[in-house]
N, C-alpha and C. Protein backbone atom coordinates (compact mmCIF):
# COMPACT_ATOMS: atom_id res chain seq x y z
N MET A 1 -5.18 -2.02 -25.98
CA MET A 1 -6.35 -1.83 -25.04
C MET A 1 -5.19 -0.91 -23.59
N SER A 2 -6.29 -0.22 -23.00
CA SER A 2 -5.30 0.46 -21.95
C SER A 2 -6.48 0.85 -21.24
N PHE A 3 -6.03 0.56 -20.28
CA PHE A 3 -6.74 1.34 -18.72
C PHE A 3 -5.96 2.02 -17.46
N SER A 4 -6.17 2.68 -16.69
CA SER A 4 -5.15 2.71 -15.39
C SER A 4 -6.20 2.50 -14.21
N ILE A 5 -5.55 2.46 -12.83
CA ILE A 5 -6.18 2.19 -11.64
C ILE A 5 -5.65 3.20 -10.86
N GLN A 6 -6.73 3.24 -9.72
CA GLN A 6 -6.11 4.26 -8.56
C GLN A 6 -6.63 3.89 -7.33
N LEU A 7 -6.25 3.55 -6.28
CA LEU A 7 -6.68 3.52 -5.01
C LEU A 7 -7.11 4.59 -3.97
N SER A 8 -8.06 4.58 -3.36
CA SER A 8 -8.59 5.84 -2.80
C SER A 8 -7.61 6.15 -1.29
N THR A 9 -6.78 5.35 -0.68
CA THR A 9 -5.59 4.99 -0.04
C THR A 9 -4.95 3.95 -0.06
N ASP A 10 -3.45 4.41 0.21
CA ASP A 10 -2.73 3.15 0.01
C ASP A 10 -2.63 2.57 1.35
N LEU A 11 -3.05 3.37 2.68
CA LEU A 11 -2.87 2.81 3.74
C LEU A 11 -4.48 2.52 4.37
N VAL A 12 -4.91 1.40 4.54
CA VAL A 12 -5.76 1.03 5.01
C VAL A 12 -6.25 0.55 6.62
N GLN A 13 -6.46 1.30 7.23
CA GLN A 13 -6.67 0.83 8.94
C GLN A 13 -7.69 0.32 9.47
N VAL A 14 -7.92 -0.77 10.21
CA VAL A 14 -8.96 -1.43 10.54
C VAL A 14 -8.98 -2.02 12.07
N ASP A 15 -10.23 -1.97 12.65
CA ASP A 15 -10.15 -2.89 13.64
C ASP A 15 -10.58 -3.92 13.69
N PRO A 16 -10.20 -4.80 14.26
CA PRO A 16 -10.61 -6.63 14.14
C PRO A 16 -11.85 -6.51 14.19
N GLY A 17 -12.69 -7.29 13.41
CA GLY A 17 -13.83 -7.01 13.76
C GLY A 17 -14.96 -6.55 12.87
N ALA A 18 -14.51 -5.17 12.39
CA ALA A 18 -14.95 -4.16 11.65
C ALA A 18 -14.51 -4.47 10.34
N SER A 19 -15.37 -3.73 9.56
CA SER A 19 -15.22 -3.56 8.07
C SER A 19 -14.80 -2.15 7.48
N VAL A 20 -13.81 -2.35 6.53
CA VAL A 20 -13.09 -1.16 5.96
C VAL A 20 -13.54 -0.99 4.12
N PRO A 21 -13.65 0.16 3.85
CA PRO A 21 -14.15 0.09 2.62
C PRO A 21 -12.77 0.62 2.14
N LEU A 22 -12.14 -0.10 0.43
CA LEU A 22 -11.27 0.55 0.11
C LEU A 22 -11.86 0.54 -1.71
N THR A 23 -11.90 2.19 -2.21
CA THR A 23 -12.46 2.45 -3.55
C THR A 23 -11.42 2.15 -4.49
N ILE A 24 -11.77 1.56 -5.31
CA ILE A 24 -10.81 1.28 -6.67
C ILE A 24 -11.33 2.38 -7.59
N THR A 25 -10.77 3.10 -8.31
CA THR A 25 -11.02 3.74 -9.39
C THR A 25 -10.40 3.19 -10.79
N PHE A 26 -11.36 3.00 -11.44
CA PHE A 26 -10.57 2.71 -12.93
C PHE A 26 -11.23 3.33 -14.06
N HIS A 27 -10.33 3.52 -15.28
CA HIS A 27 -10.31 4.62 -16.32
C HIS A 27 -10.23 3.60 -17.26
N ASN A 28 -11.28 2.88 -18.06
CA ASN A 28 -10.97 2.52 -19.18
C ASN A 28 -10.62 3.49 -20.73
N ARG A 29 -9.35 3.35 -20.87
CA ARG A 29 -8.84 4.38 -21.71
C ARG A 29 -8.85 4.26 -23.28
N SER A 30 -9.30 2.75 -23.35
CA SER A 30 -9.33 2.08 -24.84
C SER A 30 -10.59 2.84 -25.51
N ALA A 31 -10.59 2.50 -26.99
CA ALA A 31 -11.66 2.73 -27.88
C ALA A 31 -13.11 1.63 -27.51
N GLU A 32 -12.41 0.86 -26.88
CA GLU A 32 -13.65 -0.42 -26.77
C GLU A 32 -13.81 -0.90 -25.43
N ALA A 33 -15.16 -1.40 -25.48
CA ALA A 33 -15.56 -1.61 -24.49
C ALA A 33 -15.00 -2.73 -24.06
N ASP A 34 -14.91 -3.62 -22.22
CA ASP A 34 -14.07 -4.98 -21.88
C ASP A 34 -14.84 -4.88 -20.74
N ARG A 35 -14.25 -6.33 -20.10
CA ARG A 35 -14.69 -6.59 -18.95
C ARG A 35 -13.68 -6.79 -18.23
N TYR A 36 -13.44 -6.49 -16.89
CA TYR A 36 -12.34 -6.78 -15.96
C TYR A 36 -12.63 -7.70 -14.66
N GLU A 37 -11.52 -7.94 -14.39
CA GLU A 37 -11.63 -8.55 -12.99
C GLU A 37 -10.94 -7.96 -12.07
N ILE A 38 -11.57 -7.77 -10.57
CA ILE A 38 -10.70 -7.43 -9.28
C ILE A 38 -10.16 -8.54 -8.51
N ASP A 39 -9.14 -8.57 -7.82
CA ASP A 39 -8.62 -9.16 -6.80
C ASP A 39 -7.46 -8.55 -6.28
N ILE A 40 -7.88 -9.27 -4.86
CA ILE A 40 -6.62 -8.94 -3.81
C ILE A 40 -5.79 -9.81 -3.78
N GLU A 41 -4.18 -9.89 -3.69
CA GLU A 41 -3.48 -10.62 -3.29
C GLU A 41 -2.65 -10.20 -1.96
N GLY A 42 -2.09 -11.03 -1.21
CA GLY A 42 -1.19 -10.80 -0.23
C GLY A 42 -1.99 -11.25 1.20
N ILE A 43 -3.37 -10.45 1.22
CA ILE A 43 -3.68 -11.06 2.59
C ILE A 43 -4.64 -12.43 2.64
N ASP A 44 -5.30 -12.39 4.02
CA ASP A 44 -5.72 -13.85 3.97
C ASP A 44 -6.95 -13.65 2.76
N PRO A 45 -7.81 -14.42 2.48
CA PRO A 45 -8.64 -14.29 1.74
C PRO A 45 -9.76 -14.37 2.27
N GLU A 46 -9.91 -14.97 3.66
CA GLU A 46 -11.40 -14.71 4.76
C GLU A 46 -11.31 -13.43 4.78
N TRP A 47 -10.39 -12.27 4.79
CA TRP A 47 -10.18 -10.82 5.16
C TRP A 47 -11.11 -10.08 4.04
N LYS A 48 -10.94 -10.16 2.99
CA LYS A 48 -11.20 -9.63 1.95
C LYS A 48 -12.55 -9.75 1.12
N MET A 49 -13.73 -8.88 0.79
CA MET A 49 -14.64 -9.57 0.41
C MET A 49 -14.57 -8.29 -0.90
N ILE A 50 -15.36 -9.00 -2.01
CA ILE A 50 -15.01 -8.06 -3.17
C ILE A 50 -16.40 -8.72 -3.64
N PRO A 51 -17.37 -7.28 -3.69
CA PRO A 51 -19.03 -7.62 -3.82
C PRO A 51 -18.90 -7.67 -5.59
N VAL A 52 -18.02 -7.07 -6.08
CA VAL A 52 -18.44 -7.26 -7.90
C VAL A 52 -16.84 -7.48 -8.17
N PRO A 53 -16.56 -8.80 -8.58
CA PRO A 53 -15.25 -9.13 -8.84
C PRO A 53 -14.91 -8.89 -10.52
N VAL A 54 -15.99 -9.33 -11.15
CA VAL A 54 -16.07 -8.84 -12.52
C VAL A 54 -16.98 -7.59 -12.82
N PHE A 55 -16.42 -6.43 -13.47
CA PHE A 55 -17.40 -5.45 -14.35
C PHE A 55 -17.19 -5.38 -15.55
N SER A 56 -18.36 -4.58 -16.34
CA SER A 56 -17.85 -4.22 -17.77
C SER A 56 -17.59 -2.46 -17.31
N ALA A 57 -16.93 -2.18 -18.58
CA ALA A 57 -16.55 -0.91 -18.63
C ALA A 57 -16.44 -0.37 -20.11
N GLU A 58 -17.18 0.68 -20.30
CA GLU A 58 -17.30 1.33 -21.64
C GLU A 58 -16.13 2.26 -22.32
N PRO A 59 -15.90 2.49 -23.38
CA PRO A 59 -14.64 3.12 -23.97
C PRO A 59 -14.74 4.33 -23.08
N ASN A 60 -13.27 4.72 -22.26
CA ASN A 60 -13.11 6.02 -22.28
C ASN A 60 -14.31 6.65 -20.66
N GLU A 61 -14.22 5.38 -20.42
CA GLU A 61 -15.38 5.56 -18.88
C GLU A 61 -14.68 5.52 -17.63
N GLU A 62 -14.85 6.42 -16.75
CA GLU A 62 -14.26 6.00 -15.33
C GLU A 62 -15.24 5.13 -14.76
N HIS A 63 -14.58 4.28 -13.71
CA HIS A 63 -15.59 3.52 -13.00
C HIS A 63 -14.84 3.29 -11.71
N THR A 64 -15.76 2.90 -11.27
CA THR A 64 -15.60 2.64 -9.24
C THR A 64 -16.15 1.72 -8.75
N GLU A 65 -15.38 0.58 -8.17
CA GLU A 65 -15.75 -0.29 -7.20
C GLU A 65 -15.09 -0.09 -5.84
N ARG A 66 -16.01 -0.71 -4.96
CA ARG A 66 -15.05 -0.81 -3.49
C ARG A 66 -15.34 -2.46 -3.27
N VAL A 67 -14.59 -2.79 -2.73
CA VAL A 67 -14.03 -3.56 -1.71
C VAL A 67 -13.86 -3.65 -0.38
N PHE A 68 -14.12 -4.74 0.42
CA PHE A 68 -13.81 -4.52 1.70
C PHE A 68 -12.89 -5.39 2.26
N LEU A 69 -12.07 -4.69 3.36
CA LEU A 69 -11.36 -5.85 4.17
C LEU A 69 -11.98 -5.65 5.79
N LYS A 70 -12.17 -6.73 5.85
CA LYS A 70 -12.41 -7.41 7.37
C LYS A 70 -11.98 -8.43 7.99
N PRO A 71 -10.60 -8.16 8.67
CA PRO A 71 -9.97 -9.06 9.56
C PRO A 71 -11.15 -9.54 10.63
N PRO A 72 -11.17 -11.10 11.19
CA PRO A 72 -11.82 -11.10 12.17
C PRO A 72 -11.11 -10.79 13.40
N ARG A 73 -12.17 -10.39 14.58
CA ARG A 73 -11.94 -10.04 15.81
C ARG A 73 -11.50 -11.62 16.63
N SER A 74 -10.44 -11.84 16.15
CA SER A 74 -9.74 -12.72 16.87
C SER A 74 -8.26 -13.05 17.22
N SER A 75 -7.33 -13.79 18.10
CA SER A 75 -6.23 -13.48 18.20
C SER A 75 -5.49 -14.12 17.21
N GLU A 76 -5.96 -14.41 16.06
CA GLU A 76 -5.53 -14.88 14.76
C GLU A 76 -5.02 -13.72 13.79
N SER A 77 -6.01 -12.63 13.89
CA SER A 77 -6.07 -11.27 13.37
C SER A 77 -4.72 -10.45 14.01
N LEU A 78 -3.31 -11.20 14.08
CA LEU A 78 -2.75 -10.17 14.90
C LEU A 78 -2.26 -8.94 14.43
N ALA A 79 -1.97 -7.81 15.56
CA ALA A 79 -2.07 -6.61 15.23
C ALA A 79 -0.63 -6.48 14.10
N GLY A 80 -0.48 -5.19 13.21
CA GLY A 80 0.46 -5.25 12.69
C GLY A 80 0.21 -4.72 11.13
N THR A 81 1.14 -5.09 10.23
CA THR A 81 1.03 -4.34 8.94
C THR A 81 1.13 -5.35 7.88
N TYR A 82 0.24 -5.53 7.13
CA TYR A 82 0.40 -6.67 5.62
C TYR A 82 0.25 -5.59 4.57
N PRO A 83 1.04 -5.80 3.84
CA PRO A 83 1.11 -5.69 2.97
C PRO A 83 0.07 -6.45 1.87
N PHE A 84 -0.41 -5.65 1.11
CA PHE A 84 -1.40 -6.60 -0.18
C PHE A 84 -1.21 -5.59 -1.63
N VAL A 85 -1.65 -6.35 -2.62
CA VAL A 85 -1.53 -5.74 -4.24
C VAL A 85 -3.16 -5.98 -4.81
N VAL A 86 -3.64 -4.79 -5.15
CA VAL A 86 -5.02 -4.77 -6.01
C VAL A 86 -4.78 -4.96 -7.23
N LYS A 87 -5.22 -6.09 -8.18
CA LYS A 87 -4.56 -6.84 -9.28
C LYS A 87 -6.02 -6.40 -10.12
N VAL A 88 -6.50 -5.50 -11.26
CA VAL A 88 -7.06 -5.42 -12.19
C VAL A 88 -6.58 -5.99 -13.30
N ARG A 89 -7.44 -7.17 -13.95
CA ARG A 89 -7.09 -7.51 -15.25
C ARG A 89 -7.99 -7.55 -16.02
N SER A 90 -7.87 -7.41 -17.68
CA SER A 90 -8.76 -7.17 -18.85
C SER A 90 -8.65 -8.87 -18.96
N LEU A 91 -10.54 -8.98 -19.40
CA LEU A 91 -10.69 -10.35 -19.30
C LEU A 91 -10.38 -10.54 -20.95
N SER A 92 -10.39 -9.90 -22.06
CA SER A 92 -10.39 -10.00 -23.28
C SER A 92 -8.74 -9.94 -23.77
N SER A 93 -8.12 -8.88 -23.56
CA SER A 93 -6.68 -8.90 -23.67
C SER A 93 -5.63 -9.66 -22.75
N GLY A 94 -5.95 -9.73 -21.55
CA GLY A 94 -5.44 -10.34 -20.36
C GLY A 94 -4.30 -9.05 -19.82
N GLU A 95 -4.33 -7.92 -20.12
CA GLU A 95 -3.31 -7.06 -19.60
C GLU A 95 -4.32 -6.89 -18.22
N ALA A 96 -3.04 -6.56 -17.30
CA ALA A 96 -3.17 -6.22 -15.93
C ALA A 96 -2.10 -4.96 -15.25
N LYS A 97 -3.25 -4.61 -14.49
CA LYS A 97 -2.63 -3.67 -13.47
C LYS A 97 -2.29 -3.90 -12.23
N THR A 98 -1.33 -3.54 -11.67
CA THR A 98 -1.35 -3.59 -10.04
C THR A 98 -1.17 -2.54 -8.91
N LEU A 99 -1.48 -2.51 -8.10
CA LEU A 99 -1.33 -1.20 -7.23
C LEU A 99 -0.96 -1.85 -5.85
N GLN A 100 -0.08 -1.06 -5.05
CA GLN A 100 0.34 -1.83 -3.89
C GLN A 100 -0.63 -1.13 -2.45
N GLY A 101 -0.86 -1.56 -1.39
CA GLY A 101 -1.28 -1.11 -0.48
C GLY A 101 -0.74 -1.58 0.68
N VAL A 102 -1.78 -1.04 1.93
CA VAL A 102 -0.75 -1.46 3.02
C VAL A 102 -1.89 -1.76 4.26
N LEU A 103 -2.64 -2.91 4.60
CA LEU A 103 -3.38 -2.91 5.62
C LEU A 103 -2.81 -3.30 7.11
N GLU A 104 -3.34 -1.90 7.68
CA GLU A 104 -2.81 -2.06 9.18
C GLU A 104 -3.61 -2.40 9.92
N VAL A 105 -3.92 -3.69 10.63
CA VAL A 105 -4.61 -4.21 11.69
C VAL A 105 -4.41 -3.74 13.20
N LYS A 106 -5.13 -2.77 13.74
CA LYS A 106 -4.68 -2.50 14.81
C LYS A 106 -4.84 -3.34 16.19
N PRO A 107 -4.63 -3.21 17.43
CA PRO A 107 -4.41 -4.35 18.18
C PRO A 107 -5.97 -4.02 19.15
N PHE A 108 -6.04 -4.84 19.75
CA PHE A 108 -7.20 -5.14 20.84
C PHE A 108 -6.65 -5.94 21.88
N HIS A 109 -7.42 -5.92 23.07
CA HIS A 109 -6.76 -6.49 24.47
C HIS A 109 -8.35 -6.85 24.71
N HIS A 110 -8.07 -8.45 25.24
CA HIS A 110 -8.85 -9.23 25.91
C HIS A 110 -8.31 -10.42 26.76
N ILE A 111 -8.10 -10.38 27.72
CA ILE A 111 -7.59 -11.05 28.70
C ILE A 111 -8.81 -11.69 29.79
N THR A 112 -8.92 -13.28 29.89
CA THR A 112 -9.46 -13.92 30.87
C THR A 112 -8.33 -14.21 31.70
N MET A 113 -8.73 -14.90 33.09
CA MET A 113 -8.45 -15.32 34.06
C MET A 113 -9.47 -16.24 34.79
N ASP A 114 -8.68 -17.42 35.05
CA ASP A 114 -9.78 -18.27 36.28
C ASP A 114 -8.38 -18.49 37.08
N VAL A 115 -9.11 -19.02 38.52
CA VAL A 115 -8.36 -19.25 39.47
C VAL A 115 -9.07 -20.56 39.69
N GLN A 116 -8.41 -21.57 40.37
CA GLN A 116 -8.95 -23.12 41.02
C GLN A 116 -8.04 -22.83 42.05
N PRO A 117 -8.41 -23.78 43.45
CA PRO A 117 -10.19 -23.72 43.27
C PRO A 117 -10.69 -22.40 43.55
N LYS A 118 -11.84 -22.39 43.68
CA LYS A 118 -12.43 -21.03 43.91
C LYS A 118 -12.47 -20.30 45.28
N LYS A 119 -12.54 -21.22 46.03
CA LYS A 119 -12.28 -21.10 47.79
C LYS A 119 -11.56 -22.02 48.75
N GLY A 120 -10.67 -21.40 49.29
CA GLY A 120 -9.51 -22.09 50.06
C GLY A 120 -9.91 -22.08 51.44
N PHE A 121 -9.43 -23.08 52.37
CA PHE A 121 -9.97 -23.65 53.96
C PHE A 121 -8.30 -23.21 54.80
N VAL A 122 -8.05 -22.63 55.87
CA VAL A 122 -7.20 -23.01 56.40
C VAL A 122 -7.56 -23.72 57.86
N SER A 123 -7.01 -24.01 58.59
CA SER A 123 -7.03 -24.75 59.98
C SER A 123 -5.97 -24.87 60.88
N PRO A 124 -5.80 -25.50 61.72
CA PRO A 124 -4.43 -25.34 62.58
C PRO A 124 -4.12 -26.46 61.79
N PHE A 125 -4.75 -27.79 61.52
CA PHE A 125 -3.74 -28.38 60.74
C PHE A 125 -3.30 -28.22 59.20
N ARG A 126 -4.37 -27.00 58.50
CA ARG A 126 -3.96 -27.02 57.38
C ARG A 126 -3.50 -25.15 57.01
N LYS A 127 -2.52 -24.89 57.07
CA LYS A 127 -1.99 -23.44 56.86
C LYS A 127 -1.83 -22.89 56.03
N MET A 128 -1.91 -23.54 54.60
CA MET A 128 -1.19 -23.07 53.27
C MET A 128 -2.62 -23.80 52.42
N ASN A 129 -3.07 -23.20 51.52
CA ASN A 129 -3.55 -23.41 49.82
C ASN A 129 -2.86 -22.91 49.19
N THR A 130 -2.84 -23.69 47.94
CA THR A 130 -2.49 -23.41 47.14
C THR A 130 -3.51 -23.36 45.42
N PHE A 131 -3.53 -22.27 44.92
CA PHE A 131 -4.24 -21.75 43.59
C PHE A 131 -3.62 -21.77 42.89
N GLU A 132 -3.83 -22.41 41.63
CA GLU A 132 -3.63 -22.16 40.20
C GLU A 132 -4.43 -21.04 39.11
N VAL A 133 -3.54 -20.34 39.09
CA VAL A 133 -4.32 -19.02 38.39
C VAL A 133 -4.23 -19.05 36.61
N THR A 134 -5.09 -19.48 35.91
CA THR A 134 -4.66 -19.30 34.41
C THR A 134 -5.29 -18.22 33.70
N VAL A 135 -3.93 -17.52 33.18
CA VAL A 135 -4.36 -16.19 32.02
C VAL A 135 -4.52 -16.49 30.59
N ILE A 136 -5.55 -16.32 29.95
CA ILE A 136 -5.35 -16.51 28.53
C ILE A 136 -5.42 -15.53 27.71
N ASN A 137 -4.52 -14.94 26.83
CA ASN A 137 -4.67 -13.90 26.02
C ASN A 137 -5.81 -14.07 24.77
N LEU A 138 -6.83 -13.52 24.87
CA LEU A 138 -7.40 -13.65 23.47
C LEU A 138 -7.51 -12.62 22.78
N GLY A 139 -6.62 -11.53 23.31
CA GLY A 139 -6.29 -9.98 21.99
C GLY A 139 -5.50 -10.68 21.10
N ASN A 140 -5.16 -9.57 20.27
CA ASN A 140 -4.18 -9.81 19.05
C ASN A 140 -2.87 -9.34 19.09
N THR A 141 -2.10 -8.99 20.41
CA THR A 141 -0.76 -8.31 20.49
C THR A 141 -0.51 -9.23 22.04
N SER A 142 0.77 -8.83 21.93
CA SER A 142 1.18 -9.55 23.56
C SER A 142 0.85 -8.79 24.30
N GLU A 143 1.01 -9.45 25.39
CA GLU A 143 0.78 -8.58 26.97
C GLU A 143 1.48 -8.94 28.07
N ASN A 144 1.71 -7.98 29.02
CA ASN A 144 2.33 -7.99 30.26
C ASN A 144 1.38 -8.01 31.36
N VAL A 145 1.69 -9.14 32.09
CA VAL A 145 0.34 -9.19 32.77
C VAL A 145 0.95 -9.46 34.50
N GLN A 146 0.64 -8.38 35.41
CA GLN A 146 1.39 -8.49 36.73
C GLN A 146 0.02 -8.91 37.88
N LEU A 147 0.46 -10.15 38.27
CA LEU A 147 -0.53 -10.56 39.57
C LEU A 147 -0.48 -10.19 40.52
N THR A 148 -1.48 -10.15 41.11
CA THR A 148 -1.64 -9.12 42.50
C THR A 148 -2.66 -10.44 43.42
N ALA A 149 -2.62 -10.25 44.74
CA ALA A 149 -3.52 -10.66 45.22
C ALA A 149 -3.93 -9.48 46.84
N SER A 150 -5.11 -9.92 47.38
CA SER A 150 -5.15 -8.82 48.82
C SER A 150 -6.58 -9.97 49.40
N ASP A 151 -6.28 -9.56 50.79
CA ASP A 151 -7.36 -9.95 51.55
C ASP A 151 -7.87 -8.73 52.32
N PRO A 152 -9.01 -8.52 52.35
CA PRO A 152 -9.95 -7.61 53.07
C PRO A 152 -9.19 -7.29 54.27
N GLU A 153 -9.27 -8.90 55.06
CA GLU A 153 -9.02 -8.47 56.53
C GLU A 153 -7.56 -8.62 57.20
N ASP A 154 -6.68 -8.60 55.98
CA ASP A 154 -5.39 -8.74 56.14
C ASP A 154 -4.74 -9.88 56.82
N ASP A 155 -5.41 -10.77 56.48
CA ASP A 155 -4.95 -12.44 57.66
C ASP A 155 -4.30 -13.19 56.84
N CYS A 156 -3.89 -12.94 55.45
CA CYS A 156 -3.08 -13.65 54.55
C CYS A 156 -2.26 -13.30 53.84
N THR A 157 -1.30 -13.93 53.65
CA THR A 157 0.23 -13.47 52.93
C THR A 157 -0.21 -14.41 51.21
N TYR A 158 0.41 -13.91 50.12
CA TYR A 158 0.23 -14.26 49.17
C TYR A 158 2.00 -14.36 48.71
N GLU A 159 2.04 -15.81 48.01
CA GLU A 159 3.01 -16.19 47.30
C GLU A 159 2.78 -16.49 46.08
N PHE A 160 3.62 -15.93 44.95
CA PHE A 160 3.36 -16.02 43.50
C PHE A 160 4.90 -16.89 42.88
N GLU A 161 4.42 -18.08 42.23
CA GLU A 161 5.59 -18.52 41.50
C GLU A 161 5.84 -17.58 40.29
N GLN A 162 7.10 -17.73 39.41
CA GLN A 162 7.12 -16.96 38.29
C GLN A 162 6.28 -17.94 37.19
């Protein structure tokens, strides 16, 4: 038994939270019908969706299946490249074919900031307030943040600790 596979592209780019299709073209070169199984290895199982993991192919039939890659829009879906392997295996003979590809997860930026307390007061006896600023990076790539502060009346000065 013999068959061949081909990917629509070997580089798949995706924005986290979006779904991108990958087409696998399959050609059954044998004289017998067979059933085949598709799998994708090397990426998080939650990032892949294979609607038809097992399919049948008649002799000399060319068959196309689509799989979908969808990393979630979260900070755990780090921006970068992830190599993967598409594997198609004959369920009757066990023969397997593999192709390599790369999933490129694009960066997204999402920074939140909180200041505590929300208000400060000064008086002749209390000439200074301390505020705590919390910055959280909810994106999927590292960020450099520069903090600045201003006062519309220009009555205050600000000092930041590193």
